[in-house]
C-alpha atoms as a PDB file:
ATOM      1  CA  VAL A   1     -69.326 -37.333  49.182  1.00  0.00           C
ATOM      2  CA  ASN A   2     -66.808 -38.697  46.069  1.00  0.00           C
ATOM      3  CA  LEU A   3     -63.408 -39.289  47.099  1.00  0.00           C
ATOM      4  CA  LEU A   4     -62.317 -37.575  43.977  1.00  0.00           C
ATOM      5  CA  THR A   5     -64.349 -34.847  43.930  1.00  0.00           C
ATOM      6  CA  ALA A   6     -63.648 -34.069  47.896  1.00  0.00           C
ATOM      7  CA  PRO A   7     -60.997 -31.531  47.723  1.00  0.00           C
ATOM      8  CA  ILE A   8     -62.793 -29.250  45.586  1.00  0.00           C
ATOM      9  CA  LEU A   9     -65.481 -29.130  48.735  1.00  0.00           C
ATOM     10  CA  PHE A  10     -62.510 -28.225  51.333  1.00  0.00           C
ATOM     11  CA  THR A  11     -61.354 -25.821  48.803  1.00  0.00           C
ATOM     12  CA  PHE A  12     -64.716 -23.973  49.462  1.00  0.00           C
ATOM     13  CA  GLN A  13     -63.986 -24.213  52.870  1.00  0.00           C
ATOM     14  CA  GLN A  14     -60.634 -22.891  53.055  1.00  0.00           C
ATOM     15  CA  ALA A  15     -61.773 -19.849  50.997  1.00  0.00           C
ATOM     16  CA  ARG A  16     -64.298 -19.066  53.476  1.00  0.00           C
ATOM     17  CA  GLU A  17     -62.156 -19.232  56.535  1.00  0.00           C
ATOM     18  CA  ASP A  18     -59.372 -17.342  54.828  1.00  0.00           C
ATOM     19  CA  LEU A  19     -61.802 -14.450  53.074  1.00  0.00           C
ATOM     20  CA  SER A  20     -63.738 -14.203  56.773  1.00  0.00           C
ATOM     21  CA  ARG A  21     -60.422 -13.795  58.761  1.00  0.00           C
ATOM     22  CA  CYS A  22     -58.314 -11.165  56.314  1.00  0.00           C
ATOM     23  CA  THR A  23     -61.520  -9.118  56.262  1.00  0.00           C
ATOM     24  CA  ASP A  24     -62.539  -9.195  59.211  1.00  0.00           C
ATOM     25  CA  GLY A  25     -62.081  -5.498  60.728  1.00  0.00           C
ATOM     26  CA  LEU A  26     -62.261  -3.491  57.083  1.00  0.00           C
ATOM     27  CA  THR A  27     -64.430  -0.705  56.255  1.00  0.00           C
ATOM     28  CA  GLY A  28     -66.188  -0.505  53.389  1.00  0.00           C
ATOM     29  CA  GLU A  29     -64.076   2.628  52.242  1.00  0.00           C
ATOM     30  CA  GLN A  30     -60.564  -0.147  52.436  1.00  0.00           C
ATOM     31  CA  ILE A  31     -62.912  -2.942  51.010  1.00  0.00           C
ATOM     32  CA  TRP A  32     -63.023  -1.015  47.868  1.00  0.00           C
ATOM     33  CA  ALA A  33     -59.884   0.285  48.041  1.00  0.00           C
ATOM     34  CA  THR A  34     -57.482  -0.286  45.019  1.00  0.00           C
ATOM     35  CA  PRO A  35     -53.984  -0.398  47.004  1.00  0.00           C
ATOM     36  CA  HIS A  36     -51.448   0.508  44.259  1.00  0.00           C
ATOM     37  CA  GLY A  37     -53.764  -0.272  41.688  1.00  0.00           C
ATOM     38  CA  PHE A  38     -54.486  -3.642  42.474  1.00  0.00           C
ATOM     39  CA  GLY A  39     -58.044  -5.188  42.782  1.00  0.00           C
ATOM     40  CA  SER A  40     -59.825  -4.439  45.441  1.00  0.00           C
ATOM     41  CA  VAL A  41     -60.741  -7.080  48.400  1.00  0.00           C
ATOM     42  CA  GLY A  42     -64.330  -6.193  47.465  1.00  0.00           C
ATOM     43  CA  PHE A  43     -63.813  -7.157  43.821  1.00  0.00           C
ATOM     44  CA  HIS A  44     -61.906 -10.422  44.383  1.00  0.00           C
ATOM     45  CA  LEU A  45     -64.479 -11.534  46.633  1.00  0.00           C
ATOM     46  CA  ARG A  46     -67.190 -10.825  44.142  1.00  0.00           C
ATOM     47  CA  HIS A  47     -65.580 -12.352  41.301  1.00  0.00           C
ATOM     48  CA  ILE A  48     -64.532 -15.272  43.630  1.00  0.00           C
ATOM     49  CA  ALA A  49     -68.516 -15.705  43.696  1.00  0.00           C
ATOM     50  CA  GLY A  50     -69.258 -14.736  40.350  1.00  0.00           C
ATOM     51  CA  SER A  51     -66.302 -17.109  38.672  1.00  0.00           C
ATOM     52  CA  THR A  52     -67.869 -19.810  41.110  1.00  0.00           C
ATOM     53  CA  ASP A  53     -71.458 -19.624  39.533  1.00  0.00           C
ATOM     54  CA  ARG A  54     -70.308 -19.317  35.853  1.00  0.00           C
ATOM     55  CA  LEU A  55     -67.710 -22.283  36.061  1.00  0.00           C
ATOM     56  CA  THR A  56     -70.961 -24.251  37.969  1.00  0.00           C
ATOM     57  CA  THR A  57     -72.879 -23.551  35.005  1.00  0.00           C
ATOM     58  CA  TYR A  58     -70.363 -24.885  32.544  1.00  0.00           C
ATOM     59  CA  LEU A  59     -70.272 -27.587  35.111  1.00  0.00           C
ATOM     60  CA  ARG A  60     -73.400 -28.424  34.611  1.00  0.00           C
ATOM     61  CA  GLY A  61     -73.421 -28.595  30.644  1.00  0.00           C
ATOM     62  CA  GLY A  62     -74.768 -24.981  30.132  1.00  0.00           C
ATOM     63  CA  ALA A  63     -73.907 -21.683  28.786  1.00  0.00           C
ATOM     64  CA  LEU A  64     -74.417 -18.609  30.945  1.00  0.00           C
ATOM     65  CA  ASN A  65     -77.356 -16.436  31.628  1.00  0.00           C
ATOM     66  CA  PRO A  66     -77.995 -12.855  31.174  1.00  0.00           C
ATOM     67  CA  GLN A  67     -78.055 -12.454  35.036  1.00  0.00           C
ATOM     68  CA  GLN A  68     -74.212 -14.057  35.062  1.00  0.00           C
ATOM     69  CA  THR A  69     -73.277 -11.674  32.052  1.00  0.00           C
ATOM     70  CA  ALA A  70     -74.463  -8.647  33.881  1.00  0.00           C
ATOM     71  CA  THR A  71     -72.612  -9.886  37.197  1.00  0.00           C
ATOM     72  CA  LEU A  72     -69.594 -10.090  35.088  1.00  0.00           C
ATOM     73  CA  ALA A  73     -69.637  -6.664  34.417  1.00  0.00           C
ATOM     74  CA  ALA A  74     -70.088  -5.164  37.909  1.00  0.00           C
ATOM     75  CA  GLU A  75     -67.453  -7.180  39.607  1.00  0.00           C
ATOM     76  CA  HIS A  76     -65.557  -4.173  39.927  1.00  0.00           C
ATOM     77  CA  VAL A  77     -68.148  -1.588  40.888  1.00  0.00           C
ATOM     78  CA  PRO A  78     -68.386  -0.789  44.579  1.00  0.00           C
ATOM     79  CA  ALA A  79     -72.325   0.042  44.834  1.00  0.00           C
ATOM     80  CA  GLY A  80     -72.317   0.046  48.510  1.00  0.00           C
ATOM     81  CA  ALA A  81     -71.619  -3.948  49.124  1.00  0.00           C
ATOM     82  CA  GLY A  82     -70.449  -4.312  52.721  1.00  0.00           C
ATOM     83  CA  ARG A  83     -68.724  -7.015  53.907  1.00  0.00           C
ATOM     84  CA  GLY A  84     -71.641  -8.742  55.318  1.00  0.00           C
ATOM     85  CA  GLU A  85     -72.911  -8.453  51.922  1.00  0.00           C
ATOM     86  CA  LEU A  86     -69.531  -9.726  50.141  1.00  0.00           C
ATOM     87  CA  LEU A  87     -69.050 -12.628  52.268  1.00  0.00           C
ATOM     88  CA  ALA A  88     -73.097 -13.696  51.919  1.00  0.00           C
ATOM     89  CA  LEU A  89     -72.756 -13.456  48.164  1.00  0.00           C
ATOM     90  CA  LEU A  90     -69.568 -15.482  48.587  1.00  0.00           C
ATOM     91  CA  ASP A  91     -71.568 -18.223  50.839  1.00  0.00           C
ATOM     92  CA  GLU A  92     -74.086 -18.444  48.683  1.00  0.00           C
ATOM     93  CA  ALA A  93     -72.349 -19.161  45.261  1.00  0.00           C
ATOM     94  CA  PHE A  94     -70.295 -21.625  47.403  1.00  0.00           C
ATOM     95  CA  LYS A  95     -73.311 -23.645  48.813  1.00  0.00           C
ATOM     96  CA  ASN A  96     -74.910 -23.831  45.084  1.00  0.00           C
ATOM     97  CA  ALA A  97     -71.567 -25.429  43.656  1.00  0.00           C
ATOM     98  CA  GLU A  98     -71.286 -27.599  46.383  1.00  0.00           C
ATOM     99  CA  ALA A  99     -74.464 -29.416  45.678  1.00  0.00           C
ATOM    100  CA  VAL A 100     -73.620 -29.549  42.292  1.00  0.00           C
ATOM    101  CA  VAL A 101     -70.202 -30.919  43.515  1.00  0.00           C
ATOM    102  CA  ARG A 102     -71.723 -33.566  45.358  1.00  0.00           C
ATOM    103  CA  GLU A 103     -73.854 -35.068  42.633  1.00  0.00           C
ATOM    104  CA  VAL A 104     -70.918 -35.516  40.684  1.00  0.00           C
ATOM    105  CA  GLU A 105     -70.614 -39.284  40.154  1.00  0.00           C
ATOM    106  CA  SER A 106     -66.932 -40.584  39.538  1.00  0.00           C
ATOM    107  CA  SER A 107     -67.701 -41.751  35.859  1.00  0.00           C
ATOM    108  CA  ALA A 108     -68.602 -38.538  34.732  1.00  0.00           C
ATOM    109  CA  LEU A 109     -65.235 -36.546  35.992  1.00  0.00           C
ATOM    110  CA  ALA A 110     -63.907 -37.521  31.539  1.00  0.00           C
ATOM    111  CA  GLU A 111     -67.240 -36.158  30.391  1.00  0.00           C
ATOM    112  CA  PRO A 112     -66.711 -33.009  27.662  1.00  0.00           C
ATOM    113  CA  ARG A 113     -67.284 -29.546  28.994  1.00  0.00           C
ATOM    114  CA  THR A 114     -67.128 -26.403  27.098  1.00  0.00           C
ATOM    115  CA  VAL A 115     -66.044 -23.153  28.939  1.00  0.00           C
ATOM    116  CA  GLY A 116     -66.900 -19.214  27.864  1.00  0.00           C
ATOM    117  CA  ARG A 117     -68.303 -17.932  24.516  1.00  0.00           C
ATOM    118  CA  LYS A 118     -65.471 -19.608  22.620  1.00  0.00           C
ATOM    119  CA  GLN A 119     -66.616 -23.026  23.939  1.00  0.00           C
ATOM    120  CA  LEU A 120     -63.085 -23.956  25.109  1.00  0.00           C
ATOM    121  CA  PRO A 121     -62.851 -27.688  25.295  1.00  0.00           C
ATOM    122  CA  THR A 122     -62.023 -28.983  28.676  1.00  0.00           C
ATOM    123  CA  THR A 123     -64.012 -32.539  31.163  1.00  0.00           C
ATOM    124  CA  VAL A 124     -65.629 -32.038  34.231  1.00  0.00           C
ATOM    125  CA  ILE A 125     -62.460 -33.206  36.088  1.00  0.00           C
ATOM    126  CA  GLY A 126     -60.665 -30.244  34.177  1.00  0.00           C
ATOM    127  CA  LEU A 127     -63.744 -27.594  35.430  1.00  0.00           C
ATOM    128  CA  LEU A 128     -63.631 -28.961  39.212  1.00  0.00           C
ATOM    129  CA  VAL A 129     -59.584 -28.492  39.168  1.00  0.00           C
ATOM    130  CA  HIS A 130     -59.586 -24.887  37.766  1.00  0.00           C
ATOM    131  CA  THR A 131     -62.495 -23.734  40.032  1.00  0.00           C
ATOM    132  CA  ALA A 132     -60.644 -24.753  42.581  1.00  0.00           C
ATOM    133  CA  GLU A 133     -57.042 -23.208  41.589  1.00  0.00           C
ATOM    134  CA  HIS A 134     -59.371 -20.050  40.181  1.00  0.00           C
ATOM    135  CA  ILE A 135     -60.672 -19.600  43.876  1.00  0.00           C
ATOM    136  CA  GLN A 136     -57.536 -19.825  45.475  1.00  0.00           C
ATOM    137  CA  ARG A 137     -55.797 -17.439  43.303  1.00  0.00           C
ATOM    138  CA  HIS A 138     -58.274 -14.579  44.053  1.00  0.00           C
ATOM    139  CA  VAL A 139     -58.253 -15.321  48.007  1.00  0.00           C
ATOM    140  CA  GLY A 140     -54.415 -15.188  47.653  1.00  0.00           C
ATOM    141  CA  GLN A 141     -54.928 -11.675  46.276  1.00  0.00           C
ATOM    142  CA  ALA A 142     -57.591 -10.523  48.387  1.00  0.00           C
ATOM    143  CA  ILE A 143     -55.461 -11.444  51.320  1.00  0.00           C
ATOM    144  CA  SER A 144     -52.713  -9.097  50.093  1.00  0.00           C
ATOM    145  CA  ALA A 145     -55.044  -6.619  49.204  1.00  0.00           C
ATOM    146  CA  ALA A 146     -56.501  -6.450  52.795  1.00  0.00           C
ATOM    147  CA  LYS A 147     -53.042  -6.211  54.048  1.00  0.00           C
ATOM    148  CA  LEU A 148     -52.125  -3.684  51.832  1.00  0.00           C
ATOM    149  CA  VAL A 149     -55.496  -1.368  52.920  1.00  0.00           C
ATOM    150  CA  ARG A 150     -54.478  -1.775  56.888  1.00  0.00           C
ATOM    151  CA  VAL A 151     -50.941  -0.242  56.040  1.00  0.00           C
END
């Protein structure tokens, strides 16, 4: 493992552990509740998985496909997804991203990349850092939402 990209691998594992722990025992209703108008736990789990997939696509230098765009549009929709399904979705997205991250060479970290429809400029290392930050932001929000629905 590249020592410069290893920290994002730790982010994936920490997110798995934190999200598994904070969702333990939640009912389907609690997972999709929006306490005080905040995003539901289910939304955050789906969003983490979907955004990780999208950011990994940009990391590879690609553009989003129609399925990824459709997934983005449906992240708020409960659609019967329970804790197990959501955690499996998250794990799959992380496994795919981990494989890509493990292939990143130190010499590629400064390579240019673009993000989104606006083709915002960044670099490989910029995307890696953004992915880790984005995951942790939504993990924190999911933990808060999980605490609120238990009250």
